[in-house]
C-alpha atoms as a PDB file:
ATOM      1  CA  UNK A   1       1.465  20.608   1.452  1.00  0.00           C
ATOM      2  CA  UNK A   2      -1.225  18.104   2.450  1.00  0.00           C
ATOM      3  CA  UNK A   3      -0.052  14.526   3.035  1.00  0.00           C
ATOM      4  CA  UNK A   4      -2.290  11.514   3.596  1.00  0.00           C
ATOM      5  CA  UNK A   5      -1.083   8.348   5.335  1.00  0.00           C
ATOM      6  CA  UNK A   6      -2.394   4.791   5.057  1.00  0.00           C
ATOM      7  CA  UNK A   7      -1.237   1.775   7.024  1.00  0.00           C
ATOM      8  CA  UNK A   8      -1.888  -1.974   7.092  1.00  0.00           C
ATOM      9  CA  UNK A   9      -3.738  -2.287   3.784  1.00  0.00           C
ATOM     10  CA  UNK A  10      -3.052  -6.053   3.678  1.00  0.00           C
ATOM     11  CA  UNK A  11      -4.203  -6.505   0.075  1.00  0.00           C
ATOM     12  CA  UNK A  12      -7.731  -5.296   0.851  1.00  0.00           C
ATOM     13  CA  UNK A  13      -8.482  -3.527  -2.426  1.00  0.00           C
ATOM     14  CA  UNK A  14     -12.119  -2.553  -1.664  1.00  0.00           C
ATOM     15  CA  UNK A  15     -11.091  -0.865   1.588  1.00  0.00           C
ATOM     16  CA  UNK A  16      -8.171   0.830  -0.159  1.00  0.00           C
ATOM     17  CA  UNK A  17     -10.466   2.175  -2.870  1.00  0.00           C
ATOM     18  CA  UNK A  18     -12.811   3.610  -0.237  1.00  0.00           C
ATOM     19  CA  UNK A  19      -9.889   5.274   1.543  1.00  0.00           C
ATOM     20  CA  UNK A  20      -8.573   6.654  -1.742  1.00  0.00           C
ATOM     21  CA  UNK A  21     -11.978   8.181  -2.493  1.00  0.00           C
ATOM     22  CA  UNK A  22     -11.771  10.093   0.788  1.00  0.00           C
ATOM     23  CA  UNK A  23      -8.190  11.098   0.046  1.00  0.00           C
ATOM     24  CA  UNK A  24      -9.190  12.410  -3.394  1.00  0.00           C
ATOM     25  CA  UNK A  25     -11.873  14.584  -1.795  1.00  0.00           C
ATOM     26  CA  UNK A  26      -9.296  15.939   0.662  1.00  0.00           C
ATOM     27  CA  UNK A  27      -7.133  17.192  -2.217  1.00  0.00           C
ATOM     28  CA  UNK A  28      -3.835  15.877  -0.867  1.00  0.00           C
ATOM     29  CA  UNK A  29      -0.450  16.400  -2.498  1.00  0.00           C
ATOM     30  CA  UNK A  30       1.210  13.107  -1.552  1.00  0.00           C
ATOM     31  CA  UNK A  31       0.508   9.756   0.074  1.00  0.00           C
ATOM     32  CA  UNK A  32       2.629   7.815   2.569  1.00  0.00           C
ATOM     33  CA  UNK A  33       1.890   4.101   2.775  1.00  0.00           C
ATOM     34  CA  UNK A  34       3.220   2.759   6.046  1.00  0.00           C
ATOM     35  CA  UNK A  35       3.721  -0.887   5.340  1.00  0.00           C
ATOM     36  CA  UNK A  36       1.892  -4.170   5.069  1.00  0.00           C
ATOM     37  CA  UNK A  37       0.514  -3.551   1.594  1.00  0.00           C
ATOM     38  CA  UNK A  38       0.692  -6.890  -0.188  1.00  0.00           C
ATOM     39  CA  UNK A  39       0.043  -9.652   2.323  1.00  0.00           C
ATOM     40  CA  UNK A  40      -3.672 -10.293   1.837  1.00  0.00           C
ATOM     41  CA  UNK A  41      -6.371 -11.347  -0.615  1.00  0.00           C
ATOM     42  CA  UNK A  42      -5.611  -9.002  -3.574  1.00  0.00           C
ATOM     43  CA  UNK A  43      -1.899  -8.107  -3.417  1.00  0.00           C
ATOM     44  CA  UNK A  44      -1.237  -7.522  -7.128  1.00  0.00           C
ATOM     45  CA  UNK A  45      -4.323  -5.387  -7.649  1.00  0.00           C
ATOM     46  CA  UNK A  46      -3.659  -3.395  -4.486  1.00  0.00           C
ATOM     47  CA  UNK A  47      -0.099  -2.542  -5.450  1.00  0.00           C
ATOM     48  CA  UNK A  48      -1.160  -1.692  -9.024  1.00  0.00           C
ATOM     49  CA  UNK A  49      -3.836   0.654  -7.686  1.00  0.00           C
ATOM     50  CA  UNK A  50      -1.332   2.507  -5.518  1.00  0.00           C
ATOM     51  CA  UNK A  51       1.255   2.737  -8.296  1.00  0.00           C
ATOM     52  CA  UNK A  52      -1.335   4.174 -10.707  1.00  0.00           C
ATOM     53  CA  UNK A  53      -2.250   7.116  -8.472  1.00  0.00           C
ATOM     54  CA  UNK A  54      -1.709  10.572  -9.970  1.00  0.00           C
ATOM     55  CA  UNK A  55       0.251  11.805  -6.949  1.00  0.00           C
ATOM     56  CA  UNK A  56       3.551  10.881  -5.317  1.00  0.00           C
ATOM     57  CA  UNK A  57       3.279   7.718  -3.211  1.00  0.00           C
ATOM     58  CA  UNK A  58       6.033   6.940  -0.691  1.00  0.00           C
ATOM     59  CA  UNK A  59       6.253   3.427   0.739  1.00  0.00           C
ATOM     60  CA  UNK A  60       7.600   2.250   4.080  1.00  0.00           C
ATOM     61  CA  UNK A  61       8.086  -1.508   4.057  1.00  0.00           C
ATOM     62  CA  UNK A  62       6.183  -3.353   6.782  1.00  0.00           C
ATOM     63  CA  UNK A  63       7.003  -6.699   8.345  1.00  0.00           C
ATOM     64  CA  UNK A  64       4.517  -8.564   6.117  1.00  0.00           C
ATOM     65  CA  UNK A  65       5.969  -6.878   3.019  1.00  0.00           C
ATOM     66  CA  UNK A  66       9.471  -7.932   4.086  1.00  0.00           C
ATOM     67  CA  UNK A  67       8.322 -11.536   4.523  1.00  0.00           C
ATOM     68  CA  UNK A  68       6.723 -11.601   1.057  1.00  0.00           C
ATOM     69  CA  UNK A  69       9.861 -10.097  -0.518  1.00  0.00           C
ATOM     70  CA  UNK A  70      12.052 -12.661   1.242  1.00  0.00           C
ATOM     71  CA  UNK A  71       9.879 -15.547   0.009  1.00  0.00           C
ATOM     72  CA  UNK A  72      10.040 -14.195  -3.543  1.00  0.00           C
ATOM     73  CA  UNK A  73      13.835 -14.000  -3.227  1.00  0.00           C
ATOM     74  CA  UNK A  74      13.985 -17.627  -2.058  1.00  0.00           C
ATOM     75  CA  UNK A  75      14.898 -16.853   1.548  1.00  0.00           C
ATOM     76  CA  UNK A  76      13.321 -19.444   3.861  1.00  0.00           C
ATOM     77  CA  UNK A  77      10.785 -18.230   6.416  1.00  0.00           C
ATOM     78  CA  UNK A  78      11.766 -18.080  10.044  1.00  0.00           C
END
């Protein structure tokens, strides 16, 4: 089984798309995303891109992801 890993995407969709092109050429079976996906310029599009992939994607929540989730849940920062 071939597994690719990406970290610290920070909502950078163009960079993610470039990395995914390389991953597609490597013919991997699964992707691990090691946190900090959504804090950045294109969070919605970045997450949608990852969720639409035709392979299993496993997420590890990063500190920036936790902070975004807490804000969405109404938990004050700090």
